[in-house]
Amino acid sequence: MAEARAEEIYTRHVSALPFAEQLRLLGLIAQGLAVRAADVVEPPLRDIRELHGLGKEIWEGIDAQEYVNALREGRLLPGEQPDPPP
């Protein structure tokens, strides 16, 4: 419905305007949309510190140095199970 209305407004009114007036109208529409967009409430930015401690239970009982050594050497990581044979 709104699309048909916009098409009708464009066909009946906008397309009949001279090029310069069409550009002026476009600028006015853009300004109006920018003002409305600025009024939209955006969610607050999150603080990275909120993630502190998230997922710490995953690392319980795992020695960090042993984990890094296993990564470097291509071994199974602490707590990792070998893939079953095919």
N, C-alpha and C. Protein backbone atom coordinates (compact mmCIF):
# COMPACT_ATOMS: atom_id res chain seq x y z
N MET A 1 0.83 -1.19 0.00
CA MET A 1 0.00 0.00 0.00
C MET A 1 0.87 1.25 0.00
N ALA A 2 1.85 1.31 0.91
CA ALA A 2 2.72 2.48 1.00
C ALA A 2 3.55 2.62 -0.27
N GLU A 3 3.95 1.47 -0.85
CA GLU A 3 4.75 1.52 -2.08
C GLU A 3 3.93 2.14 -3.22
N ALA A 4 2.67 1.75 -3.33
CA ALA A 4 1.81 2.29 -4.37
C ALA A 4 1.61 3.79 -4.14
N ARG A 5 1.48 4.19 -2.90
CA ARG A 5 1.29 5.60 -2.58
C ARG A 5 2.54 6.40 -2.95
N ALA A 6 3.71 5.86 -2.61
CA ALA A 6 4.96 6.54 -2.95
C ALA A 6 5.12 6.64 -4.46
N GLU A 7 4.78 5.57 -5.17
CA GLU A 7 4.86 5.59 -6.64
C GLU A 7 3.94 6.67 -7.20
N GLU A 8 2.74 6.75 -6.64
CA GLU A 8 1.77 7.74 -7.13
C GLU A 8 2.27 9.16 -6.87
N ILE A 9 2.79 9.40 -5.69
CA ILE A 9 3.32 10.73 -5.36
C ILE A 9 4.46 11.08 -6.30
N TYR A 10 5.35 10.12 -6.52
CA TYR A 10 6.48 10.38 -7.43
C TYR A 10 5.97 10.69 -8.84
N THR A 11 5.08 9.85 -9.33
CA THR A 11 4.59 10.00 -10.71
C THR A 11 3.82 11.31 -10.88
N ARG A 12 2.95 11.62 -9.94
CA ARG A 12 2.08 12.79 -10.09
C ARG A 12 2.78 14.09 -9.75
N HIS A 13 3.73 14.06 -8.80
CA HIS A 13 4.27 15.32 -8.31
C HIS A 13 5.77 15.48 -8.56
N VAL A 14 6.55 14.51 -8.16
CA VAL A 14 8.00 14.66 -8.18
C VAL A 14 8.55 14.65 -9.60
N SER A 15 8.12 13.69 -10.41
CA SER A 15 8.68 13.58 -11.75
C SER A 15 8.38 14.83 -12.60
N ALA A 16 7.35 15.56 -12.25
CA ALA A 16 7.00 16.78 -13.00
C ALA A 16 7.89 17.96 -12.63
N LEU A 17 8.61 17.86 -11.51
CA LEU A 17 9.47 18.96 -11.06
C LEU A 17 10.72 19.05 -11.93
N PRO A 18 11.28 20.25 -12.05
CA PRO A 18 12.57 20.38 -12.73
C PRO A 18 13.65 19.64 -11.94
N PHE A 19 14.73 19.29 -12.61
CA PHE A 19 15.81 18.52 -12.01
C PHE A 19 16.32 19.16 -10.72
N ALA A 20 16.55 20.45 -10.72
CA ALA A 20 17.07 21.14 -9.54
C ALA A 20 16.11 21.01 -8.36
N GLU A 21 14.82 21.09 -8.63
CA GLU A 21 13.83 20.97 -7.56
C GLU A 21 13.77 19.53 -7.04
N GLN A 22 13.96 18.56 -7.93
CA GLN A 22 14.00 17.16 -7.49
C GLN A 22 15.19 16.95 -6.55
N LEU A 23 16.33 17.53 -6.90
CA LEU A 23 17.51 17.42 -6.02
C LEU A 23 17.26 18.10 -4.69
N ARG A 24 16.62 19.27 -4.71
CA ARG A 24 16.30 19.98 -3.47
C ARG A 24 15.37 19.14 -2.60
N LEU A 25 14.37 18.53 -3.22
CA LEU A 25 13.43 17.68 -2.51
C LEU A 25 14.15 16.48 -1.90
N LEU A 26 15.06 15.90 -2.66
CA LEU A 26 15.83 14.77 -2.16
C LEU A 26 16.64 15.17 -0.93
N GLY A 27 17.24 16.36 -0.98
CA GLY A 27 18.00 16.86 0.16
C GLY A 27 17.12 17.06 1.39
N LEU A 28 15.93 17.60 1.18
CA LEU A 28 15.00 17.80 2.30
C LEU A 28 14.58 16.46 2.91
N ILE A 29 14.32 15.48 2.06
CA ILE A 29 13.95 14.16 2.56
C ILE A 29 15.10 13.56 3.35
N ALA A 30 16.33 13.68 2.82
CA ALA A 30 17.50 13.13 3.50
C ALA A 30 17.70 13.80 4.86
N GLN A 31 17.52 15.12 4.92
CA GLN A 31 17.66 15.82 6.20
C GLN A 31 16.62 15.34 7.20
N GLY A 32 15.40 15.19 6.75
CA GLY A 32 14.34 14.73 7.63
C GLY A 32 14.61 13.32 8.15
N LEU A 33 15.11 12.46 7.28
CA LEU A 33 15.44 11.10 7.72
C LEU A 33 16.61 11.09 8.69
N ALA A 34 17.58 11.96 8.47
CA ALA A 34 18.74 12.02 9.36
C ALA A 34 18.31 12.46 10.76
N VAL A 35 17.40 13.42 10.84
CA VAL A 35 16.90 13.88 12.14
C VAL A 35 16.15 12.75 12.84
N ARG A 36 15.32 12.05 12.08
CA ARG A 36 14.55 10.94 12.68
C ARG A 36 15.48 9.82 13.12
N ALA A 37 16.51 9.53 12.33
CA ALA A 37 17.45 8.47 12.68
C ALA A 37 18.21 8.82 13.95
N ALA A 38 18.50 10.11 14.15
CA ALA A 38 19.22 10.54 15.35
C ALA A 38 18.36 10.37 16.59
N ASP A 39 17.04 10.39 16.41
CA ASP A 39 16.13 10.23 17.54
C ASP A 39 15.97 8.77 17.96
N VAL A 40 16.38 7.86 17.11
CA VAL A 40 16.25 6.43 17.43
C VAL A 40 17.20 6.12 18.58
N VAL A 41 16.67 5.47 19.58
CA VAL A 41 17.48 5.13 20.74
C VAL A 41 18.32 3.91 20.40
N GLU A 42 19.63 4.07 20.46
CA GLU A 42 20.53 2.96 20.19
C GLU A 42 20.89 2.30 21.51
N PRO A 43 21.11 0.98 21.47
CA PRO A 43 21.49 0.32 22.71
C PRO A 43 22.85 0.83 23.17
N PRO A 44 23.05 0.90 24.47
CA PRO A 44 24.33 1.41 24.96
C PRO A 44 25.47 0.48 24.57
N LEU A 45 26.64 1.06 24.39
CA LEU A 45 27.82 0.25 24.10
C LEU A 45 28.14 -0.60 25.32
N ARG A 46 28.63 -1.80 25.07
CA ARG A 46 28.96 -2.69 26.17
C ARG A 46 30.40 -2.45 26.61
N ASP A 47 30.66 -2.70 27.87
CA ASP A 47 32.00 -2.55 28.43
C ASP A 47 32.67 -3.92 28.39
N ILE A 48 33.86 -3.99 27.82
CA ILE A 48 34.58 -5.25 27.68
C ILE A 48 34.79 -5.92 29.04
N ARG A 49 34.83 -5.12 30.08
CA ARG A 49 35.04 -5.69 31.42
C ARG A 49 33.87 -6.55 31.88
N GLU A 50 32.71 -6.41 31.23
CA GLU A 50 31.56 -7.24 31.58
C GLU A 50 31.83 -8.71 31.27
N LEU A 51 32.79 -8.98 30.40
CA LEU A 51 33.09 -10.36 30.01
C LEU A 51 34.06 -11.03 30.97
N HIS A 52 34.57 -10.29 31.93
CA HIS A 52 35.54 -10.84 32.87
C HIS A 52 34.98 -12.08 33.56
N GLY A 53 35.72 -13.17 33.47
CA GLY A 53 35.34 -14.41 34.13
C GLY A 53 34.36 -15.26 33.36
N LEU A 54 33.87 -14.78 32.22
CA LEU A 54 32.90 -15.54 31.44
C LEU A 54 33.55 -16.80 30.88
N GLY A 55 32.99 -17.94 31.14
CA GLY A 55 33.50 -19.21 30.64
C GLY A 55 34.66 -19.77 31.43
N LYS A 56 34.90 -19.24 32.61
CA LYS A 56 36.06 -19.69 33.39
C LYS A 56 35.95 -21.16 33.77
N GLU A 57 34.72 -21.69 33.87
CA GLU A 57 34.55 -23.09 34.25
C GLU A 57 35.14 -24.04 33.20
N ILE A 58 35.26 -23.59 31.97
CA ILE A 58 35.83 -24.41 30.90
C ILE A 58 37.30 -24.70 31.18
N TRP A 59 37.99 -23.76 31.83
CA TRP A 59 39.43 -23.88 32.04
C TRP A 59 39.79 -24.48 33.40
N GLU A 60 38.77 -24.83 34.22
CA GLU A 60 39.06 -25.39 35.53
C GLU A 60 39.88 -26.67 35.40
N GLY A 61 40.96 -26.76 36.17
CA GLY A 61 41.80 -27.96 36.18
C GLY A 61 42.75 -28.09 35.01
N ILE A 62 42.81 -27.09 34.14
CA ILE A 62 43.72 -27.13 32.99
C ILE A 62 44.88 -26.21 33.26
N ASP A 63 46.08 -26.75 33.14
CA ASP A 63 47.29 -25.96 33.32
C ASP A 63 47.56 -25.18 32.03
N ALA A 64 47.66 -23.87 32.15
CA ALA A 64 47.83 -23.02 30.97
C ALA A 64 49.10 -23.35 30.20
N GLN A 65 50.20 -23.56 30.90
CA GLN A 65 51.46 -23.85 30.23
C GLN A 65 51.40 -25.20 29.50
N GLU A 66 50.77 -26.18 30.12
CA GLU A 66 50.63 -27.50 29.48
C GLU A 66 49.76 -27.38 28.23
N TYR A 67 48.75 -26.55 28.30
CA TYR A 67 47.86 -26.32 27.15
C TYR A 67 48.65 -25.73 25.98
N VAL A 68 49.45 -24.69 26.27
CA VAL A 68 50.25 -24.03 25.23
C VAL A 68 51.27 -25.00 24.65
N ASN A 69 51.92 -25.77 25.53
CA ASN A 69 52.91 -26.75 25.05
C ASN A 69 52.26 -27.77 24.12
N ALA A 70 51.08 -28.26 24.48
CA ALA A 70 50.38 -29.23 23.64
C ALA A 70 50.02 -28.62 22.29
N LEU A 71 49.60 -27.37 22.28
CA LEU A 71 49.30 -26.69 21.02
C LEU A 71 50.54 -26.62 20.14
N ARG A 72 51.65 -26.21 20.72
CA ARG A 72 52.90 -26.06 19.96
C ARG A 72 53.39 -27.39 19.40
N GLU A 73 53.21 -28.45 20.17
CA GLU A 73 53.73 -29.75 19.78
C GLU A 73 52.75 -30.57 18.95
N GLY A 74 51.55 -30.08 18.78
CA GLY A 74 50.56 -30.79 17.98
C GLY A 74 49.95 -31.99 18.70
N ARG A 75 50.05 -32.03 20.01
CA ARG A 75 49.48 -33.12 20.81
C ARG A 75 48.03 -32.82 21.13
N LEU A 76 47.34 -33.84 21.68
CA LEU A 76 46.00 -33.61 22.19
C LEU A 76 46.07 -32.58 23.30
N LEU A 77 45.12 -31.71 23.32
CA LEU A 77 45.07 -30.69 24.34
C LEU A 77 44.55 -31.28 25.64
N PRO A 78 44.92 -30.72 26.78
CA PRO A 78 44.40 -31.23 28.05
C PRO A 78 42.87 -31.22 28.05
N GLY A 79 42.28 -32.35 28.40
CA GLY A 79 40.83 -32.47 28.43
C GLY A 79 40.24 -32.86 27.09
N GLU A 80 41.04 -32.95 26.04
CA GLU A 80 40.53 -33.28 24.71
C GLU A 80 40.56 -34.80 24.52
N GLN A 81 39.53 -35.32 23.89
CA GLN A 81 39.43 -36.76 23.62
C GLN A 81 39.90 -37.03 22.19
N PRO A 82 40.61 -38.14 21.97
CA PRO A 82 41.01 -38.47 20.59
C PRO A 82 39.80 -38.78 19.73
N ASP A 83 39.93 -38.51 18.43
CA ASP A 83 38.86 -38.84 17.49
C ASP A 83 38.72 -40.35 17.40
N PRO A 84 37.47 -40.86 17.34
CA PRO A 84 37.30 -42.31 17.20
C PRO A 84 37.77 -42.75 15.82
N PRO A 85 38.30 -43.96 15.72
CA PRO A 85 38.76 -44.44 14.41
C PRO A 85 37.56 -44.60 13.46
N PRO A 86 37.79 -44.38 12.17
CA PRO A 86 36.67 -44.47 11.20
C PRO A 86 36.14 -45.86 11.03
